[in-house]
């Protein structure tokens, strides 16, 4: 059965829990640990959900926030409904496909 995997990036929540409320606050912490990112890169990291993230940056964020990767990335998975196979006999619900009847009333 196919599964749909989703995740939620929780960097902003963890920063707020540690008293960091602006995008610029993690920059000195990153720099002192050897990670050089531009202000726009840090802004995208904090305000959005990254599609790709290097392991050194992830490890550094975990060190700065004293957390684990599982704290930063909340994952969930759910089963998708099975797809119909071509040629499979299933009853068709005609009532669901039939349009609703229109009633015309005189203008008055």
C-alpha atoms as a PDB file:
ATOM      1  CA  UNK A   1       0.000   0.000   0.000  1.00  0.00           C
ATOM      2  CA  UNK A   2       1.467   3.404  -0.921  1.00  0.00           C
ATOM      3  CA  UNK A   3       2.282   5.836   1.877  1.00  0.00           C
ATOM      4  CA  UNK A   4       2.411   9.602   1.902  1.00  0.00           C
ATOM      5  CA  UNK A   5       5.220  11.076   3.972  1.00  0.00           C
ATOM      6  CA  UNK A   6       5.044  14.650   5.211  1.00  0.00           C
ATOM      7  CA  UNK A   7       7.147  16.758   7.530  1.00  0.00           C
ATOM      8  CA  UNK A   8       6.987  20.014   9.438  1.00  0.00           C
ATOM      9  CA  UNK A   9      10.035  22.244   9.923  1.00  0.00           C
ATOM     10  CA  UNK A  10      10.012  23.472  13.525  1.00  0.00           C
ATOM     11  CA  UNK A  11      13.071  25.772  13.568  1.00  0.00           C
ATOM     12  CA  UNK A  12      11.092  28.933  14.279  1.00  0.00           C
ATOM     13  CA  UNK A  13       9.219  27.265  17.176  1.00  0.00           C
ATOM     14  CA  UNK A  14      12.431  25.990  18.771  1.00  0.00           C
ATOM     15  CA  UNK A  15      14.127  29.355  18.328  1.00  0.00           C
ATOM     16  CA  UNK A  16      11.217  31.096  20.087  1.00  0.00           C
ATOM     17  CA  UNK A  17      11.366  28.573  22.929  1.00  0.00           C
ATOM     18  CA  UNK A  18      15.047  29.557  23.392  1.00  0.00           C
ATOM     19  CA  UNK A  19      14.341  33.305  23.283  1.00  0.00           C
ATOM     20  CA  UNK A  20      15.441  33.919  19.678  1.00  0.00           C
ATOM     21  CA  UNK A  21      12.753  35.909  17.888  1.00  0.00           C
ATOM     22  CA  UNK A  22      14.517  37.490  14.913  1.00  0.00           C
ATOM     23  CA  UNK A  23      16.073  35.939  11.832  1.00  0.00           C
ATOM     24  CA  UNK A  24      19.438  37.581  12.583  1.00  0.00           C
ATOM     25  CA  UNK A  25      19.876  35.986  16.019  1.00  0.00           C
ATOM     26  CA  UNK A  26      21.140  32.554  14.860  1.00  0.00           C
ATOM     27  CA  UNK A  27      23.762  34.079  12.498  1.00  0.00           C
ATOM     28  CA  UNK A  28      26.526  34.707  15.092  1.00  0.00           C
ATOM     29  CA  UNK A  29      25.952  31.232  16.568  1.00  0.00           C
ATOM     30  CA  UNK A  30      26.289  29.668  13.110  1.00  0.00           C
ATOM     31  CA  UNK A  31      29.443  31.690  12.344  1.00  0.00           C
ATOM     32  CA  UNK A  32      31.194  30.765  15.596  1.00  0.00           C
ATOM     33  CA  UNK A  33      30.610  27.098  14.731  1.00  0.00           C
ATOM     34  CA  UNK A  34      32.115  27.465  11.257  1.00  0.00           C
ATOM     35  CA  UNK A  35      28.902  27.725   9.193  1.00  0.00           C
ATOM     36  CA  UNK A  36      28.874  30.739   6.878  1.00  0.00           C
ATOM     37  CA  UNK A  37      25.436  31.558   5.474  1.00  0.00           C
ATOM     38  CA  UNK A  38      24.198  34.807   3.985  1.00  0.00           C
ATOM     39  CA  UNK A  39      21.405  36.691   5.698  1.00  0.00           C
ATOM     40  CA  UNK A  40      19.005  35.670   2.914  1.00  0.00           C
ATOM     41  CA  UNK A  41      19.942  31.991   3.360  1.00  0.00           C
ATOM     42  CA  UNK A  42      19.298  32.215   7.106  1.00  0.00           C
ATOM     43  CA  UNK A  43      16.036  34.050   6.435  1.00  0.00           C
ATOM     44  CA  UNK A  44      14.849  31.251   4.117  1.00  0.00           C
ATOM     45  CA  UNK A  45      15.964  28.639   6.634  1.00  0.00           C
ATOM     46  CA  UNK A  46      14.070  30.280   9.500  1.00  0.00           C
ATOM     47  CA  UNK A  47      10.945  31.506   7.729  1.00  0.00           C
ATOM     48  CA  UNK A  48      10.381  28.681   5.253  1.00  0.00           C
ATOM     49  CA  UNK A  49      10.623  24.919   5.016  1.00  0.00           C
ATOM     50  CA  UNK A  50      13.855  23.766   3.381  1.00  0.00           C
ATOM     51  CA  UNK A  51      13.702  21.159   0.631  1.00  0.00           C
ATOM     52  CA  UNK A  52      17.406  20.383   1.060  1.00  0.00           C
ATOM     53  CA  UNK A  53      19.614  20.852   4.089  1.00  0.00           C
ATOM     54  CA  UNK A  54      23.251  19.894   4.571  1.00  0.00           C
ATOM     55  CA  UNK A  55      24.119  17.691   7.516  1.00  0.00           C
ATOM     56  CA  UNK A  56      26.683  20.159   8.922  1.00  0.00           C
ATOM     57  CA  UNK A  57      24.004  22.889   9.027  1.00  0.00           C
ATOM     58  CA  UNK A  58      21.492  20.495  10.613  1.00  0.00           C
ATOM     59  CA  UNK A  59      24.026  19.384  13.226  1.00  0.00           C
ATOM     60  CA  UNK A  60      24.955  23.001  13.972  1.00  0.00           C
ATOM     61  CA  UNK A  61      21.313  24.036  14.391  1.00  0.00           C
ATOM     62  CA  UNK A  62      20.827  21.108  16.765  1.00  0.00           C
ATOM     63  CA  UNK A  63      23.881  22.217  18.761  1.00  0.00           C
ATOM     64  CA  UNK A  64      22.722  25.850  18.897  1.00  0.00           C
ATOM     65  CA  UNK A  65      19.200  24.925  20.009  1.00  0.00           C
ATOM     66  CA  UNK A  66      20.266  21.963  22.175  1.00  0.00           C
ATOM     67  CA  UNK A  67      17.886  19.617  20.377  1.00  0.00           C
ATOM     68  CA  UNK A  68      17.882  16.586  18.093  1.00  0.00           C
ATOM     69  CA  UNK A  69      17.016  16.392  14.373  1.00  0.00           C
ATOM     70  CA  UNK A  70      13.723  14.750  15.393  1.00  0.00           C
ATOM     71  CA  UNK A  71      12.884  17.898  17.377  1.00  0.00           C
ATOM     72  CA  UNK A  72      13.551  20.094  14.333  1.00  0.00           C
ATOM     73  CA  UNK A  73      11.759  17.917  11.786  1.00  0.00           C
ATOM     74  CA  UNK A  74       8.384  16.494  12.839  1.00  0.00           C
ATOM     75  CA  UNK A  75       7.473  13.707  10.421  1.00  0.00           C
ATOM     76  CA  UNK A  76       4.225  11.889   9.771  1.00  0.00           C
ATOM     77  CA  UNK A  77       3.140   9.141   7.394  1.00  0.00           C
ATOM     78  CA  UNK A  78      -0.241   7.857   6.314  1.00  0.00           C
ATOM     79  CA  UNK A  79      -1.501   5.163   4.011  1.00  0.00           C
ATOM     80  CA  UNK A  80      -2.990   6.331   0.734  1.00  0.00           C
ATOM     81  CA  UNK A  81      -6.169   4.702  -0.542  1.00  0.00           C
ATOM     82  CA  UNK A  82      -5.561   1.916  -3.020  1.00  0.00           C
ATOM     83  CA  UNK A  83      -5.962   2.909  -6.658  1.00  0.00           C
ATOM     84  CA  UNK A  84      -8.496   1.127  -8.834  1.00  0.00           C
ATOM     85  CA  UNK A  85      -7.039  -1.369 -11.231  1.00  0.00           C
ATOM     86  CA  UNK A  86      -8.111  -1.123 -14.882  1.00  0.00           C
ATOM     87  CA  UNK A  87     -10.753  -3.684 -15.704  1.00  0.00           C
ATOM     88  CA  UNK A  88     -11.790  -4.086 -12.085  1.00  0.00           C
ATOM     89  CA  UNK A  89     -15.546  -4.503 -11.750  1.00  0.00           C
ATOM     90  CA  UNK A  90     -17.007  -2.003  -9.296  1.00  0.00           C
ATOM     91  CA  UNK A  91     -20.585  -0.765  -9.171  1.00  0.00           C
ATOM     92  CA  UNK A  92     -21.128   2.769 -10.440  1.00  0.00           C
ATOM     93  CA  UNK A  93     -23.203   5.089  -8.286  1.00  0.00           C
ATOM     94  CA  UNK A  94     -25.364   6.842 -10.896  1.00  0.00           C
ATOM     95  CA  UNK A  95     -26.987   9.129  -8.330  1.00  0.00           C
ATOM     96  CA  UNK A  96     -23.602  10.700  -7.627  1.00  0.00           C
ATOM     97  CA  UNK A  97     -23.058  11.378 -11.342  1.00  0.00           C
ATOM     98  CA  UNK A  98     -26.529  12.650 -12.203  1.00  0.00           C
ATOM     99  CA  UNK A  99     -26.964  16.454 -12.122  1.00  0.00           C
ATOM    100  CA  UNK A 100     -29.556  18.010  -9.835  1.00  0.00           C
ATOM    101  CA  UNK A 101     -32.869  18.882 -11.477  1.00  0.00           C
ATOM    102  CA  UNK A 102     -33.511  22.610 -11.962  1.00  0.00           C
ATOM    103  CA  UNK A 103     -36.855  24.129 -11.019  1.00  0.00           C
ATOM    104  CA  UNK A 104     -37.961  27.156 -12.979  1.00  0.00           C
ATOM    105  CA  UNK A 105     -40.290  29.591 -11.247  1.00  0.00           C
ATOM    106  CA  UNK A 106     -42.090  32.514 -12.843  1.00  0.00           C
ATOM    107  CA  UNK A 107     -40.682  35.961 -12.165  1.00  0.00           C
ATOM    108  CA  UNK A 108     -42.920  37.978 -10.038  1.00  0.00           C
END
